[in-house]
């Protein structure tokens, strides 16, 4: 058989491996890259909206606390009823959250396993932490939701 080109070597070149950079190696004065600035700017609107919402909540809470209630308007029985409703709502939420914790924990484990075995951001070697990140985001979201529910019930 004829050979038309240079003989290929038995050694194959591998792609250069990235060198991990430790946090201690990055200086605080290092300029931000264009990509980093775009990532920060993408989240700026959400952070700004969240801060505006927080300020508005503080405004409403202050306004609500100035309103006369129960004893102040000559109906002390309203204070007793309000305390009973608050006590009942706390008991309800505590019981509900017992089941919610078990459900969230079970589903977080399922998400951890599924997304560790079948990562969405690449191969298993490259995206080994997909399961951890997705399960963690789910638990964090459930925690925020539960906190919102608790605070909402306490306001009502």
C-alpha atoms as a PDB file:
ATOM      1  CA  UNK A   1       0.000   0.000   0.000  1.00  0.00           C
ATOM      2  CA  UNK A   2       1.227   3.485  -0.738  1.00  0.00           C
ATOM      3  CA  UNK A   3       1.668   6.202   1.825  1.00  0.00           C
ATOM      4  CA  UNK A   4       0.768   9.745   0.714  1.00  0.00           C
ATOM      5  CA  UNK A   5       1.779  11.937   3.607  1.00  0.00           C
ATOM      6  CA  UNK A   6       4.066  12.167   6.574  1.00  0.00           C
ATOM      7  CA  UNK A   7       3.738   9.378   9.023  1.00  0.00           C
ATOM      8  CA  UNK A   8       1.503  10.223  11.910  1.00  0.00           C
ATOM      9  CA  UNK A   9       3.097   9.897  15.253  1.00  0.00           C
ATOM     10  CA  UNK A  10       1.703   7.435  17.756  1.00  0.00           C
ATOM     11  CA  UNK A  11       1.692  10.210  20.345  1.00  0.00           C
ATOM     12  CA  UNK A  12      -1.409  12.375  20.218  1.00  0.00           C
ATOM     13  CA  UNK A  13      -1.460  15.877  21.508  1.00  0.00           C
ATOM     14  CA  UNK A  14      -4.041  16.602  24.149  1.00  0.00           C
ATOM     15  CA  UNK A  15      -5.667  19.954  24.618  1.00  0.00           C
ATOM     16  CA  UNK A  16      -3.977  22.103  27.254  1.00  0.00           C
ATOM     17  CA  UNK A  17      -5.614  21.710  30.631  1.00  0.00           C
ATOM     18  CA  UNK A  18      -6.814  24.868  32.405  1.00  0.00           C
ATOM     19  CA  UNK A  19      -4.846  25.811  35.474  1.00  0.00           C
ATOM     20  CA  UNK A  20      -7.076  26.264  38.517  1.00  0.00           C
ATOM     21  CA  UNK A  21      -6.850  29.706  40.058  1.00  0.00           C
ATOM     22  CA  UNK A  22      -7.188  29.981  43.796  1.00  0.00           C
ATOM     23  CA  UNK A  23      -9.122  32.889  45.309  1.00  0.00           C
ATOM     24  CA  UNK A  24      -5.943  34.019  47.071  1.00  0.00           C
ATOM     25  CA  UNK A  25      -4.250  34.397  43.668  1.00  0.00           C
ATOM     26  CA  UNK A  26      -6.792  36.905  42.356  1.00  0.00           C
ATOM     27  CA  UNK A  27      -6.072  40.466  43.322  1.00  0.00           C
ATOM     28  CA  UNK A  28      -8.847  42.831  44.309  1.00  0.00           C
ATOM     29  CA  UNK A  29      -7.483  45.387  41.890  1.00  0.00           C
ATOM     30  CA  UNK A  30      -7.733  43.068  38.864  1.00  0.00           C
ATOM     31  CA  UNK A  31      -9.920  44.742  36.211  1.00  0.00           C
ATOM     32  CA  UNK A  32     -13.291  43.161  35.542  1.00  0.00           C
ATOM     33  CA  UNK A  33     -13.690  41.536  32.180  1.00  0.00           C
ATOM     34  CA  UNK A  34     -16.474  42.609  29.798  1.00  0.00           C
ATOM     35  CA  UNK A  35     -18.235  39.273  30.389  1.00  0.00           C
ATOM     36  CA  UNK A  36     -18.192  39.820  34.167  1.00  0.00           C
ATOM     37  CA  UNK A  37     -19.681  43.296  33.815  1.00  0.00           C
ATOM     38  CA  UNK A  38     -22.501  41.966  31.620  1.00  0.00           C
ATOM     39  CA  UNK A  39     -23.302  39.266  34.183  1.00  0.00           C
ATOM     40  CA  UNK A  40     -23.483  41.823  36.995  1.00  0.00           C
ATOM     41  CA  UNK A  41     -25.575  44.202  34.912  1.00  0.00           C
ATOM     42  CA  UNK A  42     -28.034  41.421  34.076  1.00  0.00           C
ATOM     43  CA  UNK A  43     -28.796  40.985  37.768  1.00  0.00           C
ATOM     44  CA  UNK A  44     -28.828  44.709  38.607  1.00  0.00           C
ATOM     45  CA  UNK A  45     -32.477  45.178  37.556  1.00  0.00           C
ATOM     46  CA  UNK A  46     -33.632  42.272  39.730  1.00  0.00           C
ATOM     47  CA  UNK A  47     -31.667  43.499  42.732  1.00  0.00           C
ATOM     48  CA  UNK A  48     -32.978  47.035  42.222  1.00  0.00           C
ATOM     49  CA  UNK A  49     -36.570  45.797  41.977  1.00  0.00           C
ATOM     50  CA  UNK A  50     -36.113  43.714  45.143  1.00  0.00           C
ATOM     51  CA  UNK A  51     -34.799  46.731  47.040  1.00  0.00           C
ATOM     52  CA  UNK A  52     -37.723  48.871  45.838  1.00  0.00           C
ATOM     53  CA  UNK A  53     -40.151  46.170  46.998  1.00  0.00           C
ATOM     54  CA  UNK A  54     -38.458  45.999  50.392  1.00  0.00           C
ATOM     55  CA  UNK A  55     -38.726  49.780  50.854  1.00  0.00           C
ATOM     56  CA  UNK A  56     -42.393  49.645  49.823  1.00  0.00           C
ATOM     57  CA  UNK A  57     -43.049  46.840  52.347  1.00  0.00           C
ATOM     58  CA  UNK A  58     -41.458  48.906  55.116  1.00  0.00           C
ATOM     59  CA  UNK A  59     -43.642  51.868  54.111  1.00  0.00           C
ATOM     60  CA  UNK A  60     -46.819  49.734  54.222  1.00  0.00           C
ATOM     61  CA  UNK A  61     -45.878  48.137  57.561  1.00  0.00           C
ATOM     62  CA  UNK A  62     -45.290  51.526  59.130  1.00  0.00           C
ATOM     63  CA  UNK A  63     -48.595  52.805  57.779  1.00  0.00           C
ATOM     64  CA  UNK A  64     -50.444  49.697  59.002  1.00  0.00           C
ATOM     65  CA  UNK A  65     -48.956  49.957  62.501  1.00  0.00           C
ATOM     66  CA  UNK A  66     -50.363  53.500  62.814  1.00  0.00           C
ATOM     67  CA  UNK A  67     -53.956  52.263  62.326  1.00  0.00           C
ATOM     68  CA  UNK A  68     -56.104  52.053  65.485  1.00  0.00           C
ATOM     69  CA  UNK A  69     -57.236  48.542  66.471  1.00  0.00           C
ATOM     70  CA  UNK A  70     -59.279  46.782  69.152  1.00  0.00           C
ATOM     71  CA  UNK A  71     -58.846  48.627  72.404  1.00  0.00           C
ATOM     72  CA  UNK A  72     -57.952  51.858  70.601  1.00  0.00           C
ATOM     73  CA  UNK A  73     -61.387  51.995  68.926  1.00  0.00           C
ATOM     74  CA  UNK A  74     -63.323  50.818  71.996  1.00  0.00           C
ATOM     75  CA  UNK A  75     -63.745  47.135  71.014  1.00  0.00           C
ATOM     76  CA  UNK A  76     -61.281  45.130  73.169  1.00  0.00           C
ATOM     77  CA  UNK A  77     -62.910  41.858  72.070  1.00  0.00           C
ATOM     78  CA  UNK A  78     -61.228  42.347  68.657  1.00  0.00           C
ATOM     79  CA  UNK A  79     -57.815  42.016  70.303  1.00  0.00           C
ATOM     80  CA  UNK A  80     -58.841  38.704  71.903  1.00  0.00           C
ATOM     81  CA  UNK A  81     -60.191  37.380  68.595  1.00  0.00           C
ATOM     82  CA  UNK A  82     -57.089  38.549  66.726  1.00  0.00           C
ATOM     83  CA  UNK A  83     -54.860  36.712  69.215  1.00  0.00           C
ATOM     84  CA  UNK A  84     -56.911  33.509  68.806  1.00  0.00           C
ATOM     85  CA  UNK A  85     -56.689  33.715  65.014  1.00  0.00           C
ATOM     86  CA  UNK A  86     -52.949  34.304  65.195  1.00  0.00           C
ATOM     87  CA  UNK A  87     -52.505  31.356  67.554  1.00  0.00           C
ATOM     88  CA  UNK A  88     -54.542  29.101  65.249  1.00  0.00           C
ATOM     89  CA  UNK A  89     -52.627  30.181  62.173  1.00  0.00           C
ATOM     90  CA  UNK A  90     -49.299  29.457  63.884  1.00  0.00           C
ATOM     91  CA  UNK A  91     -50.474  25.988  64.885  1.00  0.00           C
ATOM     92  CA  UNK A  92     -51.664  25.330  61.320  1.00  0.00           C
ATOM     93  CA  UNK A  93     -48.397  26.490  59.750  1.00  0.00           C
ATOM     94  CA  UNK A  94     -46.274  24.442  62.155  1.00  0.00           C
ATOM     95  CA  UNK A  95     -48.228  21.304  61.262  1.00  0.00           C
ATOM     96  CA  UNK A  96     -48.157  22.071  57.538  1.00  0.00           C
ATOM     97  CA  UNK A  97     -44.431  22.787  57.550  1.00  0.00           C
ATOM     98  CA  UNK A  98     -43.695  19.394  59.127  1.00  0.00           C
ATOM     99  CA  UNK A  99     -45.071  17.744  55.996  1.00  0.00           C
ATOM    100  CA  UNK A 100     -43.535  20.365  53.730  1.00  0.00           C
ATOM    101  CA  UNK A 101     -40.032  19.745  55.146  1.00  0.00           C
ATOM    102  CA  UNK A 102     -40.344  16.010  54.456  1.00  0.00           C
ATOM    103  CA  UNK A 103     -41.626  16.640  50.920  1.00  0.00           C
ATOM    104  CA  UNK A 104     -38.930  19.195  50.091  1.00  0.00           C
ATOM    105  CA  UNK A 105     -36.182  16.953  51.479  1.00  0.00           C
ATOM    106  CA  UNK A 106     -37.407  13.960  49.469  1.00  0.00           C
ATOM    107  CA  UNK A 107     -37.767  15.943  46.254  1.00  0.00           C
ATOM    108  CA  UNK A 108     -34.348  17.589  46.779  1.00  0.00           C
ATOM    109  CA  UNK A 109     -32.744  14.137  47.029  1.00  0.00           C
ATOM    110  CA  UNK A 110     -34.557  13.030  43.849  1.00  0.00           C
ATOM    111  CA  UNK A 111     -33.366  16.175  42.019  1.00  0.00           C
ATOM    112  CA  UNK A 112     -29.840  15.673  43.320  1.00  0.00           C
ATOM    113  CA  UNK A 113     -29.713  12.109  42.005  1.00  0.00           C
ATOM    114  CA  UNK A 114     -31.388  12.828  38.664  1.00  0.00           C
ATOM    115  CA  UNK A 115     -29.281  15.869  37.797  1.00  0.00           C
ATOM    116  CA  UNK A 116     -26.073  14.240  39.034  1.00  0.00           C
ATOM    117  CA  UNK A 117     -26.678  11.270  36.738  1.00  0.00           C
ATOM    118  CA  UNK A 118     -27.881  13.389  33.812  1.00  0.00           C
ATOM    119  CA  UNK A 119     -26.359  16.902  34.104  1.00  0.00           C
ATOM    120  CA  UNK A 120     -27.776  19.710  31.994  1.00  0.00           C
ATOM    121  CA  UNK A 121     -24.590  21.732  31.580  1.00  0.00           C
ATOM    122  CA  UNK A 122     -22.264  19.166  30.033  1.00  0.00           C
ATOM    123  CA  UNK A 123     -20.826  15.749  30.635  1.00  0.00           C
ATOM    124  CA  UNK A 124     -20.702  14.182  34.087  1.00  0.00           C
ATOM    125  CA  UNK A 125     -17.014  14.964  34.423  1.00  0.00           C
ATOM    126  CA  UNK A 126     -17.532  18.648  33.594  1.00  0.00           C
ATOM    127  CA  UNK A 127     -20.834  19.182  35.383  1.00  0.00           C
ATOM    128  CA  UNK A 128     -20.564  16.935  38.409  1.00  0.00           C
ATOM    129  CA  UNK A 129     -22.118  19.624  40.602  1.00  0.00           C
ATOM    130  CA  UNK A 130     -25.353  20.109  38.619  1.00  0.00           C
ATOM    131  CA  UNK A 131     -27.290  17.941  41.054  1.00  0.00           C
ATOM    132  CA  UNK A 132     -26.002  19.879  44.045  1.00  0.00           C
ATOM    133  CA  UNK A 133     -26.738  23.248  42.475  1.00  0.00           C
ATOM    134  CA  UNK A 134     -30.252  22.349  41.322  1.00  0.00           C
ATOM    135  CA  UNK A 135     -31.216  20.635  44.591  1.00  0.00           C
ATOM    136  CA  UNK A 136     -29.759  23.574  46.528  1.00  0.00           C
ATOM    137  CA  UNK A 137     -31.707  26.079  44.441  1.00  0.00           C
ATOM    138  CA  UNK A 138     -34.884  24.062  44.999  1.00  0.00           C
ATOM    139  CA  UNK A 139     -34.367  23.968  48.785  1.00  0.00           C
ATOM    140  CA  UNK A 140     -33.534  27.692  48.842  1.00  0.00           C
ATOM    141  CA  UNK A 141     -36.683  28.491  46.851  1.00  0.00           C
ATOM    142  CA  UNK A 142     -38.798  26.341  49.169  1.00  0.00           C
ATOM    143  CA  UNK A 143     -37.274  28.115  52.174  1.00  0.00           C
ATOM    144  CA  UNK A 144     -38.090  31.532  50.704  1.00  0.00           C
ATOM    145  CA  UNK A 145     -41.622  30.372  49.893  1.00  0.00           C
ATOM    146  CA  UNK A 146     -42.155  29.036  53.417  1.00  0.00           C
ATOM    147  CA  UNK A 147     -40.813  32.268  54.906  1.00  0.00           C
ATOM    148  CA  UNK A 148     -43.153  34.274  52.699  1.00  0.00           C
ATOM    149  CA  UNK A 149     -46.092  32.115  53.777  1.00  0.00           C
ATOM    150  CA  UNK A 150     -45.217  32.478  57.457  1.00  0.00           C
ATOM    151  CA  UNK A 151     -44.800  36.256  57.253  1.00  0.00           C
ATOM    152  CA  UNK A 152     -47.971  36.608  55.198  1.00  0.00           C
ATOM    153  CA  UNK A 153     -49.964  34.641  57.742  1.00  0.00           C
ATOM    154  CA  UNK A 154     -48.549  36.715  60.611  1.00  0.00           C
ATOM    155  CA  UNK A 155     -49.599  39.933  58.877  1.00  0.00           C
ATOM    156  CA  UNK A 156     -53.107  38.647  58.220  1.00  0.00           C
END
